[in-house]
């Protein structure tokens, strides 16, 4: 595979790579990625502190409802599920359509909730006791899910917490960085 030489020809008589427009484009793209990552991480950190939850994750769908946790904010490092791909068999077109239509999933106790055993088993495998999932919709497509977890105890989600998560998902979806 041939990659573009963004740094120019080594025999180039111009010793200053900063004057090369390809180098400038590369630097600008790095800055955009850094800005995006900072925005997302600060949003997740703020949510976790505000909700007093154990974990907040951003789950990104990359192909036909397959995805993975791309960002997380944790109360304790051993709650990390970064890179987790989820239970692919549990999420299908029906769930995607519901989330695209604005579905919010607020589960206060996974042991008591009326959910598929596949979903319950998956949540237990990542030590979830309570779960709040809101859609992140970008360009009328389900981009991902913003999810809050309580891992030690159940938690009754109140409207203010749900509204906060919805506002954060909207903020993320309106960001020019999510593409």
C-alpha atoms as a PDB file:
ATOM      1  CA  UNK A   1       0.000   0.000   0.000  1.00  0.00           C
ATOM      2  CA  UNK A   2       1.360   3.401  -0.942  1.00  0.00           C
ATOM      3  CA  UNK A   3       0.879   6.205   1.522  1.00  0.00           C
ATOM      4  CA  UNK A   4       1.176   9.813   0.423  1.00  0.00           C
ATOM      5  CA  UNK A   5       4.450  11.379   1.405  1.00  0.00           C
ATOM      6  CA  UNK A   6       3.088  14.204   3.535  1.00  0.00           C
ATOM      7  CA  UNK A   7       6.547  15.326   4.550  1.00  0.00           C
ATOM      8  CA  UNK A   8       7.790  15.976   1.032  1.00  0.00           C
ATOM      9  CA  UNK A   9      10.768  14.668  -0.858  1.00  0.00           C
ATOM     10  CA  UNK A  10      13.905  14.236   1.245  1.00  0.00           C
ATOM     11  CA  UNK A  11      15.861  15.834  -1.576  1.00  0.00           C
ATOM     12  CA  UNK A  12      13.637  18.900  -1.441  1.00  0.00           C
ATOM     13  CA  UNK A  13      15.728  22.042  -1.329  1.00  0.00           C
ATOM     14  CA  UNK A  14      13.274  23.655   1.099  1.00  0.00           C
ATOM     15  CA  UNK A  15      14.513  22.743   4.591  1.00  0.00           C
ATOM     16  CA  UNK A  16      11.353  24.041   6.307  1.00  0.00           C
ATOM     17  CA  UNK A  17       8.587  21.391   6.302  1.00  0.00           C
ATOM     18  CA  UNK A  18       6.197  23.937   7.837  1.00  0.00           C
ATOM     19  CA  UNK A  19       5.975  25.713   4.484  1.00  0.00           C
ATOM     20  CA  UNK A  20       4.757  22.557   2.726  1.00  0.00           C
ATOM     21  CA  UNK A  21       0.942  22.734   2.358  1.00  0.00           C
ATOM     22  CA  UNK A  22       0.650  18.946   2.762  1.00  0.00           C
ATOM     23  CA  UNK A  23       2.421  19.188   6.094  1.00  0.00           C
ATOM     24  CA  UNK A  24       0.073  21.992   7.147  1.00  0.00           C
ATOM     25  CA  UNK A  25      -2.943  19.859   6.203  1.00  0.00           C
ATOM     26  CA  UNK A  26      -1.527  17.009   8.253  1.00  0.00           C
ATOM     27  CA  UNK A  27      -1.016  19.266  11.287  1.00  0.00           C
ATOM     28  CA  UNK A  28      -4.528  20.718  10.937  1.00  0.00           C
ATOM     29  CA  UNK A  29      -6.040  17.235  10.808  1.00  0.00           C
ATOM     30  CA  UNK A  30      -4.135  16.226  13.937  1.00  0.00           C
ATOM     31  CA  UNK A  31      -5.468  19.330  15.693  1.00  0.00           C
ATOM     32  CA  UNK A  32      -9.042  18.465  14.673  1.00  0.00           C
ATOM     33  CA  UNK A  33      -8.665  14.953  16.058  1.00  0.00           C
ATOM     34  CA  UNK A  34      -7.213  16.319  19.291  1.00  0.00           C
ATOM     35  CA  UNK A  35     -10.056  18.850  19.593  1.00  0.00           C
ATOM     36  CA  UNK A  36     -12.665  16.137  18.941  1.00  0.00           C
ATOM     37  CA  UNK A  37     -11.155  13.786  21.488  1.00  0.00           C
ATOM     38  CA  UNK A  38     -10.949  16.544  24.101  1.00  0.00           C
ATOM     39  CA  UNK A  39     -14.590  17.591  23.517  1.00  0.00           C
ATOM     40  CA  UNK A  40     -15.850  14.027  23.815  1.00  0.00           C
ATOM     41  CA  UNK A  41     -13.725  13.171  26.850  1.00  0.00           C
ATOM     42  CA  UNK A  42     -14.686  16.359  28.704  1.00  0.00           C
ATOM     43  CA  UNK A  43     -18.356  15.702  27.936  1.00  0.00           C
ATOM     44  CA  UNK A  44     -18.148  12.146  29.270  1.00  0.00           C
ATOM     45  CA  UNK A  45     -16.182  13.189  32.361  1.00  0.00           C
ATOM     46  CA  UNK A  46     -18.705  15.924  33.135  1.00  0.00           C
ATOM     47  CA  UNK A  47     -21.625  13.546  32.708  1.00  0.00           C
ATOM     48  CA  UNK A  48     -20.125  10.895  34.973  1.00  0.00           C
ATOM     49  CA  UNK A  49     -19.486  13.422  37.736  1.00  0.00           C
ATOM     50  CA  UNK A  50     -22.920  15.023  37.350  1.00  0.00           C
ATOM     51  CA  UNK A  51     -24.753  11.682  37.352  1.00  0.00           C
ATOM     52  CA  UNK A  52     -22.434  10.195  39.997  1.00  0.00           C
ATOM     53  CA  UNK A  53     -22.302   7.079  37.837  1.00  0.00           C
ATOM     54  CA  UNK A  54     -19.534   4.516  37.676  1.00  0.00           C
ATOM     55  CA  UNK A  55     -19.036   4.605  33.921  1.00  0.00           C
ATOM     56  CA  UNK A  56     -20.058   6.654  30.884  1.00  0.00           C
ATOM     57  CA  UNK A  57     -19.268   5.291  27.438  1.00  0.00           C
ATOM     58  CA  UNK A  58     -19.653   6.371  23.849  1.00  0.00           C
ATOM     59  CA  UNK A  59     -20.464   3.381  21.671  1.00  0.00           C
ATOM     60  CA  UNK A  60     -19.875   4.006  17.954  1.00  0.00           C
ATOM     61  CA  UNK A  61     -21.567   1.951  15.219  1.00  0.00           C
ATOM     62  CA  UNK A  62     -19.139   1.378  12.389  1.00  0.00           C
ATOM     63  CA  UNK A  63     -21.030  -1.207  10.307  1.00  0.00           C
ATOM     64  CA  UNK A  64     -24.568  -2.634  10.314  1.00  0.00           C
ATOM     65  CA  UNK A  65     -25.024  -2.268  14.091  1.00  0.00           C
ATOM     66  CA  UNK A  66     -21.559  -3.545  14.835  1.00  0.00           C
ATOM     67  CA  UNK A  67     -19.572  -1.149  16.926  1.00  0.00           C
ATOM     68  CA  UNK A  68     -17.376  -0.601  19.918  1.00  0.00           C
ATOM     69  CA  UNK A  69     -16.731   1.593  22.918  1.00  0.00           C
ATOM     70  CA  UNK A  70     -14.539   4.394  21.593  1.00  0.00           C
ATOM     71  CA  UNK A  71     -14.515   6.663  24.658  1.00  0.00           C
ATOM     72  CA  UNK A  72     -15.188   6.149  28.337  1.00  0.00           C
ATOM     73  CA  UNK A  73     -15.090   7.954  31.656  1.00  0.00           C
ATOM     74  CA  UNK A  74     -14.617   5.792  34.738  1.00  0.00           C
ATOM     75  CA  UNK A  75     -14.986   6.085  38.486  1.00  0.00           C
ATOM     76  CA  UNK A  76     -12.477   3.221  38.841  1.00  0.00           C
ATOM     77  CA  UNK A  77     -10.047   2.001  36.190  1.00  0.00           C
ATOM     78  CA  UNK A  78     -11.121  -1.625  36.630  1.00  0.00           C
ATOM     79  CA  UNK A  79     -14.542  -0.664  35.202  1.00  0.00           C
ATOM     80  CA  UNK A  80     -12.944  -0.098  31.805  1.00  0.00           C
ATOM     81  CA  UNK A  81     -14.646  -1.651  28.797  1.00  0.00           C
ATOM     82  CA  UNK A  82     -12.753   0.474  26.278  1.00  0.00           C
ATOM     83  CA  UNK A  83     -12.711  -1.243  22.895  1.00  0.00           C
ATOM     84  CA  UNK A  84     -15.533  -3.602  23.857  1.00  0.00           C
ATOM     85  CA  UNK A  85     -17.589  -4.584  20.842  1.00  0.00           C
ATOM     86  CA  UNK A  86     -20.737  -5.391  22.760  1.00  0.00           C
ATOM     87  CA  UNK A  87     -23.167  -8.207  22.250  1.00  0.00           C
ATOM     88  CA  UNK A  88     -23.658  -8.002  18.496  1.00  0.00           C
ATOM     89  CA  UNK A  89     -26.423 -10.602  18.475  1.00  0.00           C
ATOM     90  CA  UNK A  90     -28.553  -8.497  20.825  1.00  0.00           C
ATOM     91  CA  UNK A  91     -28.692  -5.334  18.734  1.00  0.00           C
ATOM     92  CA  UNK A  92     -30.589  -5.511  15.461  1.00  0.00           C
ATOM     93  CA  UNK A  93     -32.490  -3.388  12.941  1.00  0.00           C
ATOM     94  CA  UNK A  94     -35.536  -3.210  15.211  1.00  0.00           C
ATOM     95  CA  UNK A  95     -33.546  -1.704  18.103  1.00  0.00           C
ATOM     96  CA  UNK A  96     -31.689   0.604  15.739  1.00  0.00           C
ATOM     97  CA  UNK A  97     -34.986   1.908  14.346  1.00  0.00           C
ATOM     98  CA  UNK A  98     -36.333   2.506  17.870  1.00  0.00           C
ATOM     99  CA  UNK A  99     -33.218   4.443  18.893  1.00  0.00           C
ATOM    100  CA  UNK A 100     -33.300   6.417  15.648  1.00  0.00           C
ATOM    101  CA  UNK A 101     -36.883   7.369  16.551  1.00  0.00           C
ATOM    102  CA  UNK A 102     -35.648   8.646  19.927  1.00  0.00           C
ATOM    103  CA  UNK A 103     -35.890   5.613  22.181  1.00  0.00           C
ATOM    104  CA  UNK A 104     -34.297   6.007  25.607  1.00  0.00           C
ATOM    105  CA  UNK A 105     -33.460   2.864  27.558  1.00  0.00           C
ATOM    106  CA  UNK A 106     -33.463   3.532  31.306  1.00  0.00           C
ATOM    107  CA  UNK A 107     -32.968   0.332  33.297  1.00  0.00           C
ATOM    108  CA  UNK A 108     -32.818   0.833  37.049  1.00  0.00           C
ATOM    109  CA  UNK A 109     -32.037  -2.803  37.900  1.00  0.00           C
ATOM    110  CA  UNK A 110     -31.008  -5.264  35.196  1.00  0.00           C
ATOM    111  CA  UNK A 111     -32.078  -8.222  37.349  1.00  0.00           C
ATOM    112  CA  UNK A 112     -35.646  -6.900  37.547  1.00  0.00           C
ATOM    113  CA  UNK A 113     -35.948  -5.418  34.056  1.00  0.00           C
ATOM    114  CA  UNK A 114     -38.072  -6.916  31.294  1.00  0.00           C
ATOM    115  CA  UNK A 115     -35.221  -7.338  28.793  1.00  0.00           C
ATOM    116  CA  UNK A 116     -33.962 -10.134  26.563  1.00  0.00           C
ATOM    117  CA  UNK A 117     -31.701 -12.619  28.313  1.00  0.00           C
ATOM    118  CA  UNK A 118     -29.028 -11.836  25.705  1.00  0.00           C
ATOM    119  CA  UNK A 119     -29.038  -8.193  26.788  1.00  0.00           C
ATOM    120  CA  UNK A 120     -29.123  -9.056  30.516  1.00  0.00           C
ATOM    121  CA  UNK A 121     -26.227 -11.516  30.162  1.00  0.00           C
ATOM    122  CA  UNK A 122     -24.179  -8.966  28.263  1.00  0.00           C
ATOM    123  CA  UNK A 123     -24.812  -6.244  30.870  1.00  0.00           C
ATOM    124  CA  UNK A 124     -23.878  -8.646  33.663  1.00  0.00           C
ATOM    125  CA  UNK A 125     -20.669  -9.575  31.838  1.00  0.00           C
ATOM    126  CA  UNK A 126     -19.566  -5.926  32.010  1.00  0.00           C
ATOM    127  CA  UNK A 127     -20.733  -5.557  35.637  1.00  0.00           C
ATOM    128  CA  UNK A 128     -23.733  -3.306  35.015  1.00  0.00           C
ATOM    129  CA  UNK A 129     -26.461  -2.974  37.641  1.00  0.00           C
ATOM    130  CA  UNK A 130     -28.262   0.041  36.109  1.00  0.00           C
ATOM    131  CA  UNK A 131     -28.102   1.280  32.523  1.00  0.00           C
ATOM    132  CA  UNK A 132     -29.175   4.454  30.709  1.00  0.00           C
ATOM    133  CA  UNK A 133     -28.696   4.546  26.927  1.00  0.00           C
ATOM    134  CA  UNK A 134     -29.573   7.453  24.643  1.00  0.00           C
ATOM    135  CA  UNK A 135     -29.062   7.667  20.881  1.00  0.00           C
ATOM    136  CA  UNK A 136     -26.473   9.837  19.178  1.00  0.00           C
ATOM    137  CA  UNK A 137     -28.020  10.701  15.818  1.00  0.00           C
ATOM    138  CA  UNK A 138     -25.888  12.378  13.151  1.00  0.00           C
ATOM    139  CA  UNK A 139     -27.290  13.351   9.736  1.00  0.00           C
ATOM    140  CA  UNK A 140     -30.484  11.360  10.451  1.00  0.00           C
ATOM    141  CA  UNK A 141     -28.410   8.203  11.018  1.00  0.00           C
ATOM    142  CA  UNK A 142     -27.843   6.334  14.274  1.00  0.00           C
ATOM    143  CA  UNK A 143     -24.175   7.165  14.858  1.00  0.00           C
ATOM    144  CA  UNK A 144     -23.917   5.533  18.279  1.00  0.00           C
ATOM    145  CA  UNK A 145     -25.140   5.388  21.852  1.00  0.00           C
ATOM    146  CA  UNK A 146     -24.217   7.463  24.881  1.00  0.00           C
ATOM    147  CA  UNK A 147     -24.512   5.160  27.880  1.00  0.00           C
ATOM    148  CA  UNK A 148     -24.330   5.606  31.658  1.00  0.00           C
ATOM    149  CA  UNK A 149     -23.711   2.653  33.980  1.00  0.00           C
ATOM    150  CA  UNK A 150     -23.996   2.066  37.674  1.00  0.00           C
ATOM    151  CA  UNK A 151     -21.845  -0.970  38.386  1.00  0.00           C
ATOM    152  CA  UNK A 152     -22.176  -1.406  42.152  1.00  0.00           C
ATOM    153  CA  UNK A 153     -25.848  -0.708  42.816  1.00  0.00           C
ATOM    154  CA  UNK A 154     -29.135  -0.337  41.047  1.00  0.00           C
ATOM    155  CA  UNK A 155     -30.244   3.226  40.329  1.00  0.00           C
ATOM    156  CA  UNK A 156     -33.637   4.742  39.594  1.00  0.00           C
ATOM    157  CA  UNK A 157     -33.091   7.180  36.757  1.00  0.00           C
ATOM    158  CA  UNK A 158     -34.922  10.483  37.178  1.00  0.00           C
ATOM    159  CA  UNK A 159     -36.120  12.742  34.367  1.00  0.00           C
ATOM    160  CA  UNK A 160     -33.395  15.329  35.025  1.00  0.00           C
ATOM    161  CA  UNK A 161     -30.679  12.673  34.520  1.00  0.00           C
ATOM    162  CA  UNK A 162     -32.301  11.427  31.334  1.00  0.00           C
ATOM    163  CA  UNK A 163     -32.623  14.998  30.047  1.00  0.00           C
ATOM    164  CA  UNK A 164     -28.953  15.665  30.821  1.00  0.00           C
ATOM    165  CA  UNK A 165     -27.905  12.590  28.835  1.00  0.00           C
ATOM    166  CA  UNK A 166     -30.169  13.583  25.938  1.00  0.00           C
ATOM    167  CA  UNK A 167     -28.675  17.088  25.898  1.00  0.00           C
ATOM    168  CA  UNK A 168     -25.133  15.673  25.926  1.00  0.00           C
ATOM    169  CA  UNK A 169     -25.972  13.295  23.055  1.00  0.00           C
ATOM    170  CA  UNK A 170     -27.417  16.228  21.107  1.00  0.00           C
ATOM    171  CA  UNK A 171     -24.289  18.299  21.781  1.00  0.00           C
ATOM    172  CA  UNK A 172     -22.095  15.472  20.516  1.00  0.00           C
ATOM    173  CA  UNK A 173     -24.263  14.863  17.460  1.00  0.00           C
ATOM    174  CA  UNK A 174     -24.124  18.545  16.495  1.00  0.00           C
ATOM    175  CA  UNK A 175     -20.361  18.655  16.793  1.00  0.00           C
ATOM    176  CA  UNK A 176     -18.624  19.054  13.438  1.00  0.00           C
ATOM    177  CA  UNK A 177     -16.034  16.552  14.668  1.00  0.00           C
ATOM    178  CA  UNK A 178     -18.338  13.509  14.611  1.00  0.00           C
ATOM    179  CA  UNK A 179     -18.299  12.154  11.100  1.00  0.00           C
END
